[in-house]
Amino acid sequence: MEIEMNVLKRYAQYLDSEPERISELFAVDGYFFDGGMKLVGRDKCHFVGREEIHANFTRPNRPRTPVAGVLINGNAMRYNVKAGDSWIEAVAIVLLNEDGFIQSYVTQCRPANPG
C-alpha cells in the first residue's frame, strides 16, 4: 500500500505543478478515466496508453490545475481540483502493475461543496 500512496502523492503534485510528468507514472498500456471532464465541458474522458495520457495533460492551452485537500488511503485518493472558477471534488482509485506503474486510474467527480 505504501507504493500506491507514493504514486498517488506524486500524481497530485504533478497535476498541481508539472502535468507533463503525469504520464511517467503510467504503464505503457495504462488506462485513465476522468469523470470530471464532462463537468468542464469535455466529451473525451478516457485515455489508453502512456502516449495518449501524455497528450491529454500536455494539450495546447491546457489550463493549470490547482489541487487542494489531498487525502490518500491505500490505493484511493480524494482531492479537490480547480477547473476554471469552480472546484471539483474527485475520488480516484488506482491499480498498479507489478512494476509499480499505474495500470488503471479511475476518477469520479462532482462539484465541490463550497465552504
N, C-alpha and C. Protein backbone atom coordinates (compact mmCIF):
# COMPACT_ATOMS: atom_id res chain seq x y z
N MET A 1 0.81 -1.20 0.00
CA MET A 1 0.00 0.00 0.00
C MET A 1 0.86 1.27 0.00
N GLU A 2 2.07 1.19 0.55
CA GLU A 2 2.93 2.38 0.57
C GLU A 2 3.31 2.81 -0.85
N ILE A 3 3.51 1.84 -1.73
CA ILE A 3 3.85 2.17 -3.12
C ILE A 3 2.71 2.96 -3.75
N GLU A 4 1.47 2.51 -3.57
CA GLU A 4 0.32 3.22 -4.12
C GLU A 4 0.24 4.64 -3.56
N MET A 5 0.48 4.79 -2.26
CA MET A 5 0.42 6.11 -1.64
C MET A 5 1.46 7.04 -2.25
N ASN A 6 2.68 6.54 -2.46
CA ASN A 6 3.73 7.37 -3.06
C ASN A 6 3.36 7.77 -4.49
N VAL A 7 2.82 6.84 -5.25
CA VAL A 7 2.42 7.15 -6.63
C VAL A 7 1.29 8.19 -6.62
N LEU A 8 0.33 8.04 -5.73
CA LEU A 8 -0.77 9.00 -5.67
C LEU A 8 -0.29 10.37 -5.22
N LYS A 9 0.63 10.43 -4.28
CA LYS A 9 1.20 11.72 -3.86
C LYS A 9 1.88 12.41 -5.04
N ARG A 10 2.66 11.64 -5.80
CA ARG A 10 3.33 12.21 -6.96
C ARG A 10 2.32 12.66 -8.01
N TYR A 11 1.26 11.87 -8.21
CA TYR A 11 0.22 12.25 -9.16
C TYR A 11 -0.36 13.61 -8.78
N ALA A 12 -0.72 13.79 -7.51
CA ALA A 12 -1.31 15.06 -7.06
C ALA A 12 -0.31 16.20 -7.23
N GLN A 13 0.96 15.97 -6.91
CA GLN A 13 1.98 17.01 -7.08
C GLN A 13 2.14 17.38 -8.55
N TYR A 14 2.21 16.38 -9.41
CA TYR A 14 2.37 16.64 -10.84
C TYR A 14 1.15 17.36 -11.41
N LEU A 15 -0.04 16.95 -11.01
CA LEU A 15 -1.25 17.59 -11.50
C LEU A 15 -1.25 19.07 -11.14
N ASP A 16 -0.79 19.39 -9.95
CA ASP A 16 -0.77 20.76 -9.46
C ASP A 16 0.31 21.60 -10.14
N SER A 17 1.49 21.02 -10.40
CA SER A 17 2.60 21.86 -10.85
C SER A 17 3.36 21.36 -12.08
N GLU A 18 3.30 20.07 -12.39
CA GLU A 18 4.05 19.53 -13.53
C GLU A 18 3.21 18.50 -14.29
N PRO A 19 2.09 18.91 -14.87
CA PRO A 19 1.20 17.93 -15.51
C PRO A 19 1.87 17.14 -16.64
N GLU A 20 2.90 17.71 -17.25
CA GLU A 20 3.59 16.99 -18.32
C GLU A 20 4.29 15.73 -17.81
N ARG A 21 4.45 15.59 -16.50
CA ARG A 21 5.12 14.43 -15.92
C ARG A 21 4.16 13.31 -15.51
N ILE A 22 2.86 13.56 -15.52
CA ILE A 22 1.90 12.56 -15.06
C ILE A 22 2.03 11.25 -15.81
N SER A 23 2.22 11.32 -17.11
CA SER A 23 2.30 10.08 -17.91
C SER A 23 3.46 9.19 -17.49
N GLU A 24 4.49 9.75 -16.85
CA GLU A 24 5.62 8.95 -16.35
C GLU A 24 5.17 7.91 -15.32
N LEU A 25 4.06 8.18 -14.66
CA LEU A 25 3.56 7.30 -13.61
C LEU A 25 2.78 6.11 -14.16
N PHE A 26 2.41 6.16 -15.43
CA PHE A 26 1.54 5.15 -16.04
C PHE A 26 2.32 4.07 -16.77
N ALA A 27 1.75 2.87 -16.75
CA ALA A 27 2.27 1.77 -17.57
C ALA A 27 2.10 2.17 -19.04
N VAL A 28 2.91 1.58 -19.90
CA VAL A 28 2.83 1.87 -21.34
C VAL A 28 1.40 1.70 -21.85
N ASP A 29 0.70 0.68 -21.35
CA ASP A 29 -0.67 0.42 -21.77
C ASP A 29 -1.69 0.83 -20.70
N GLY A 30 -1.32 1.78 -19.85
CA GLY A 30 -2.17 2.21 -18.75
C GLY A 30 -3.48 2.82 -19.21
N TYR A 31 -4.46 2.84 -18.31
CA TYR A 31 -5.80 3.36 -18.59
C TYR A 31 -6.10 4.50 -17.62
N PHE A 32 -6.65 5.59 -18.16
CA PHE A 32 -7.01 6.76 -17.36
C PHE A 32 -8.44 7.16 -17.68
N PHE A 33 -9.28 7.24 -16.66
CA PHE A 33 -10.66 7.70 -16.83
C PHE A 33 -10.89 8.85 -15.87
N ASP A 34 -11.36 9.98 -16.38
CA ASP A 34 -11.62 11.16 -15.56
C ASP A 34 -13.08 11.54 -15.68
N GLY A 35 -13.85 11.19 -14.66
CA GLY A 35 -15.27 11.50 -14.64
C GLY A 35 -15.57 12.99 -14.53
N GLY A 36 -14.55 13.80 -14.26
CA GLY A 36 -14.76 15.24 -14.14
C GLY A 36 -14.70 15.99 -15.46
N MET A 37 -14.25 15.33 -16.51
CA MET A 37 -14.11 16.00 -17.81
C MET A 37 -15.44 16.59 -18.28
N LYS A 38 -16.52 15.85 -18.10
CA LYS A 38 -17.82 16.35 -18.54
C LYS A 38 -18.26 17.57 -17.73
N LEU A 39 -17.80 17.67 -16.49
CA LEU A 39 -18.14 18.84 -15.67
C LEU A 39 -17.50 20.11 -16.20
N VAL A 40 -16.43 19.97 -16.97
CA VAL A 40 -15.75 21.14 -17.53
C VAL A 40 -15.96 21.25 -19.04
N GLY A 41 -16.96 20.51 -19.55
CA GLY A 41 -17.34 20.65 -20.94
C GLY A 41 -16.54 19.85 -21.96
N ARG A 42 -15.81 18.84 -21.53
CA ARG A 42 -15.06 18.00 -22.46
C ARG A 42 -15.77 16.66 -22.58
N ASP A 43 -15.85 16.18 -23.81
CA ASP A 43 -16.53 14.90 -24.05
C ASP A 43 -15.63 13.70 -23.78
N LYS A 44 -14.38 13.79 -24.21
CA LYS A 44 -13.49 12.64 -24.07
C LYS A 44 -13.00 12.57 -22.63
N CYS A 45 -13.25 11.45 -21.98
CA CYS A 45 -12.85 11.34 -20.58
C CYS A 45 -12.03 10.09 -20.29
N HIS A 46 -11.72 9.29 -21.33
CA HIS A 46 -10.87 8.13 -21.07
C HIS A 46 -9.73 8.10 -22.10
N PHE A 47 -8.59 7.65 -21.63
CA PHE A 47 -7.38 7.63 -22.45
C PHE A 47 -6.67 6.31 -22.19
N VAL A 48 -6.17 5.70 -23.25
CA VAL A 48 -5.50 4.40 -23.14
C VAL A 48 -4.08 4.55 -23.66
N GLY A 49 -3.13 4.16 -22.83
CA GLY A 49 -1.73 4.19 -23.22
C GLY A 49 -1.04 5.46 -22.75
N ARG A 50 0.23 5.30 -22.40
CA ARG A 50 1.02 6.41 -21.87
C ARG A 50 1.05 7.60 -22.84
N GLU A 51 1.16 7.33 -24.14
CA GLU A 51 1.23 8.42 -25.12
C GLU A 51 -0.06 9.23 -25.15
N GLU A 52 -1.20 8.56 -25.14
CA GLU A 52 -2.49 9.27 -25.16
C GLU A 52 -2.71 10.04 -23.86
N ILE A 53 -2.29 9.46 -22.74
CA ILE A 53 -2.40 10.14 -21.45
C ILE A 53 -1.51 11.39 -21.46
N HIS A 54 -0.29 11.25 -21.97
CA HIS A 54 0.62 12.39 -22.06
C HIS A 54 0.01 13.50 -22.92
N ALA A 55 -0.56 13.13 -24.06
CA ALA A 55 -1.17 14.12 -24.95
C ALA A 55 -2.30 14.88 -24.25
N ASN A 56 -3.07 14.19 -23.41
CA ASN A 56 -4.15 14.85 -22.68
C ASN A 56 -3.60 15.91 -21.73
N PHE A 57 -2.55 15.58 -21.00
CA PHE A 57 -2.03 16.50 -19.99
C PHE A 57 -1.11 17.58 -20.56
N THR A 58 -0.74 17.46 -21.83
CA THR A 58 0.14 18.47 -22.44
C THR A 58 -0.53 19.16 -23.63
N ARG A 59 -1.83 19.01 -23.78
CA ARG A 59 -2.51 19.62 -24.92
C ARG A 59 -2.35 21.15 -24.88
N PRO A 60 -2.34 21.78 -26.05
CA PRO A 60 -2.19 23.24 -26.10
C PRO A 60 -3.30 23.94 -25.31
N ASN A 61 -2.93 25.01 -24.68
CA ASN A 61 -3.86 25.85 -23.91
C ASN A 61 -4.51 25.14 -22.73
N ARG A 62 -3.89 24.05 -22.27
CA ARG A 62 -4.43 23.36 -21.09
C ARG A 62 -4.23 24.26 -19.88
N PRO A 63 -5.31 24.59 -19.17
CA PRO A 63 -5.15 25.46 -18.00
C PRO A 63 -4.45 24.73 -16.85
N ARG A 64 -3.82 25.51 -16.00
CA ARG A 64 -3.22 24.95 -14.79
C ARG A 64 -4.33 24.33 -13.95
N THR A 65 -4.00 23.29 -13.21
CA THR A 65 -5.00 22.57 -12.41
C THR A 65 -4.58 22.57 -10.94
N PRO A 66 -4.92 23.62 -10.19
CA PRO A 66 -4.59 23.62 -8.76
C PRO A 66 -5.28 22.46 -8.04
N VAL A 67 -4.58 21.88 -7.08
CA VAL A 67 -5.08 20.75 -6.30
C VAL A 67 -5.05 21.13 -4.82
N ALA A 68 -6.08 20.74 -4.08
CA ALA A 68 -6.15 21.02 -2.64
C ALA A 68 -6.82 19.87 -1.92
N GLY A 69 -6.60 19.80 -0.62
CA GLY A 69 -7.31 18.84 0.22
C GLY A 69 -7.06 17.38 -0.12
N VAL A 70 -5.82 17.04 -0.42
CA VAL A 70 -5.49 15.66 -0.81
C VAL A 70 -5.53 14.74 0.40
N LEU A 71 -6.31 13.67 0.30
CA LEU A 71 -6.37 12.62 1.32
C LEU A 71 -6.14 11.29 0.62
N ILE A 72 -5.17 10.51 1.11
CA ILE A 72 -4.84 9.23 0.49
C ILE A 72 -5.06 8.12 1.50
N ASN A 73 -5.71 7.05 1.05
CA ASN A 73 -5.93 5.87 1.88
C ASN A 73 -5.69 4.65 1.00
N GLY A 74 -4.53 4.04 1.14
CA GLY A 74 -4.20 2.87 0.33
C GLY A 74 -4.13 3.24 -1.14
N ASN A 75 -5.00 2.62 -1.94
CA ASN A 75 -4.98 2.90 -3.38
C ASN A 75 -6.09 3.87 -3.79
N ALA A 76 -6.62 4.63 -2.83
CA ALA A 76 -7.67 5.61 -3.12
C ALA A 76 -7.21 7.01 -2.71
N MET A 77 -7.66 8.00 -3.47
CA MET A 77 -7.31 9.38 -3.17
C MET A 77 -8.53 10.26 -3.38
N ARG A 78 -8.75 11.15 -2.42
CA ARG A 78 -9.79 12.17 -2.54
C ARG A 78 -9.07 13.51 -2.61
N TYR A 79 -9.49 14.35 -3.54
CA TYR A 79 -8.85 15.65 -3.69
C TYR A 79 -9.80 16.61 -4.39
N ASN A 80 -9.51 17.90 -4.26
CA ASN A 80 -10.27 18.93 -4.96
C ASN A 80 -9.38 19.51 -6.05
N VAL A 81 -9.98 19.75 -7.20
CA VAL A 81 -9.28 20.29 -8.36
C VAL A 81 -10.01 21.54 -8.81
N LYS A 82 -9.25 22.59 -9.10
CA LYS A 82 -9.87 23.81 -9.60
C LYS A 82 -9.94 23.74 -11.12
N ALA A 83 -11.14 23.93 -11.64
CA ALA A 83 -11.39 23.93 -13.08
C ALA A 83 -12.07 25.25 -13.42
N GLY A 84 -11.32 26.16 -14.01
CA GLY A 84 -11.87 27.49 -14.26
C GLY A 84 -12.08 28.21 -12.94
N ASP A 85 -13.30 28.65 -12.70
CA ASP A 85 -13.63 29.33 -11.45
C ASP A 85 -14.25 28.41 -10.42
N SER A 86 -14.39 27.13 -10.75
CA SER A 86 -15.07 26.18 -9.88
C SER A 86 -14.11 25.12 -9.34
N TRP A 87 -14.47 24.58 -8.20
CA TRP A 87 -13.73 23.45 -7.63
C TRP A 87 -14.54 22.18 -7.84
N ILE A 88 -13.83 21.11 -8.15
CA ILE A 88 -14.43 19.80 -8.36
C ILE A 88 -13.85 18.85 -7.32
N GLU A 89 -14.72 18.08 -6.67
CA GLU A 89 -14.28 17.05 -5.73
C GLU A 89 -14.08 15.75 -6.52
N ALA A 90 -12.91 15.16 -6.37
CA ALA A 90 -12.59 13.93 -7.11
C ALA A 90 -12.23 12.82 -6.14
N VAL A 91 -12.65 11.61 -6.49
CA VAL A 91 -12.24 10.40 -5.77
C VAL A 91 -11.68 9.46 -6.81
N ALA A 92 -10.43 9.06 -6.61
CA ALA A 92 -9.74 8.22 -7.59
C ALA A 92 -9.34 6.89 -6.96
N ILE A 93 -9.39 5.86 -7.77
CA ILE A 93 -8.90 4.53 -7.40
C ILE A 93 -7.80 4.18 -8.38
N VAL A 94 -6.68 3.72 -7.86
CA VAL A 94 -5.55 3.38 -8.71
C VAL A 94 -5.18 1.91 -8.53
N LEU A 95 -4.85 1.27 -9.63
CA LEU A 95 -4.31 -0.09 -9.61
C LEU A 95 -2.95 -0.04 -10.28
N LEU A 96 -1.94 -0.58 -9.61
CA LEU A 96 -0.58 -0.59 -10.16
C LEU A 96 -0.27 -1.94 -10.77
N ASN A 97 0.64 -1.94 -11.74
CA ASN A 97 1.11 -3.22 -12.28
C ASN A 97 2.27 -3.72 -11.41
N GLU A 98 2.83 -4.86 -11.77
CA GLU A 98 3.88 -5.47 -10.96
C GLU A 98 5.16 -4.63 -10.92
N ASP A 99 5.30 -3.68 -11.86
CA ASP A 99 6.48 -2.82 -11.90
C ASP A 99 6.26 -1.49 -11.17
N GLY A 100 5.09 -1.31 -10.56
CA GLY A 100 4.82 -0.11 -9.79
C GLY A 100 4.29 1.06 -10.60
N PHE A 101 3.91 0.82 -11.87
CA PHE A 101 3.32 1.87 -12.69
C PHE A 101 1.79 1.76 -12.61
N ILE A 102 1.12 2.88 -12.84
CA ILE A 102 -0.34 2.89 -12.82
C ILE A 102 -0.86 2.12 -14.02
N GLN A 103 -1.61 1.07 -13.75
CA GLN A 103 -2.28 0.31 -14.81
C GLN A 103 -3.67 0.89 -15.08
N SER A 104 -4.32 1.32 -14.00
CA SER A 104 -5.67 1.87 -14.13
C SER A 104 -5.85 3.00 -13.12
N TYR A 105 -6.36 4.13 -13.60
CA TYR A 105 -6.66 5.29 -12.75
C TYR A 105 -8.06 5.74 -13.11
N VAL A 106 -8.99 5.57 -12.19
CA VAL A 106 -10.40 5.89 -12.46
C VAL A 106 -10.86 6.92 -11.43
N THR A 107 -11.42 8.01 -11.93
CA THR A 107 -11.86 9.11 -11.09
C THR A 107 -13.35 9.37 -11.29
N GLN A 108 -14.05 9.53 -10.21
CA GLN A 108 -15.44 10.00 -10.24
C GLN A 108 -15.44 11.37 -9.58
N CYS A 109 -16.23 12.29 -10.11
CA CYS A 109 -16.19 13.67 -9.65
C CYS A 109 -17.59 14.26 -9.49
N ARG A 110 -17.62 15.34 -8.71
CA ARG A 110 -18.83 16.14 -8.55
C ARG A 110 -18.39 17.55 -8.17
N PRO A 111 -19.26 18.53 -8.35
CA PRO A 111 -18.89 19.87 -7.90
C PRO A 111 -18.58 19.85 -6.41
N ALA A 112 -17.51 20.52 -6.02
CA ALA A 112 -17.11 20.53 -4.61
C ALA A 112 -18.08 21.38 -3.81
N ASN A 113 -18.30 20.97 -2.58
CA ASN A 113 -19.17 21.71 -1.67
C ASN A 113 -18.41 22.92 -1.15
N PRO A 114 -18.84 24.14 -1.49
CA PRO A 114 -18.11 25.32 -1.01
C PRO A 114 -18.17 25.43 0.51
N GLY A 115 -17.06 25.92 1.05
CA GLY A 115 -17.02 26.13 2.49
C GLY A 115 -16.44 25.01 3.15
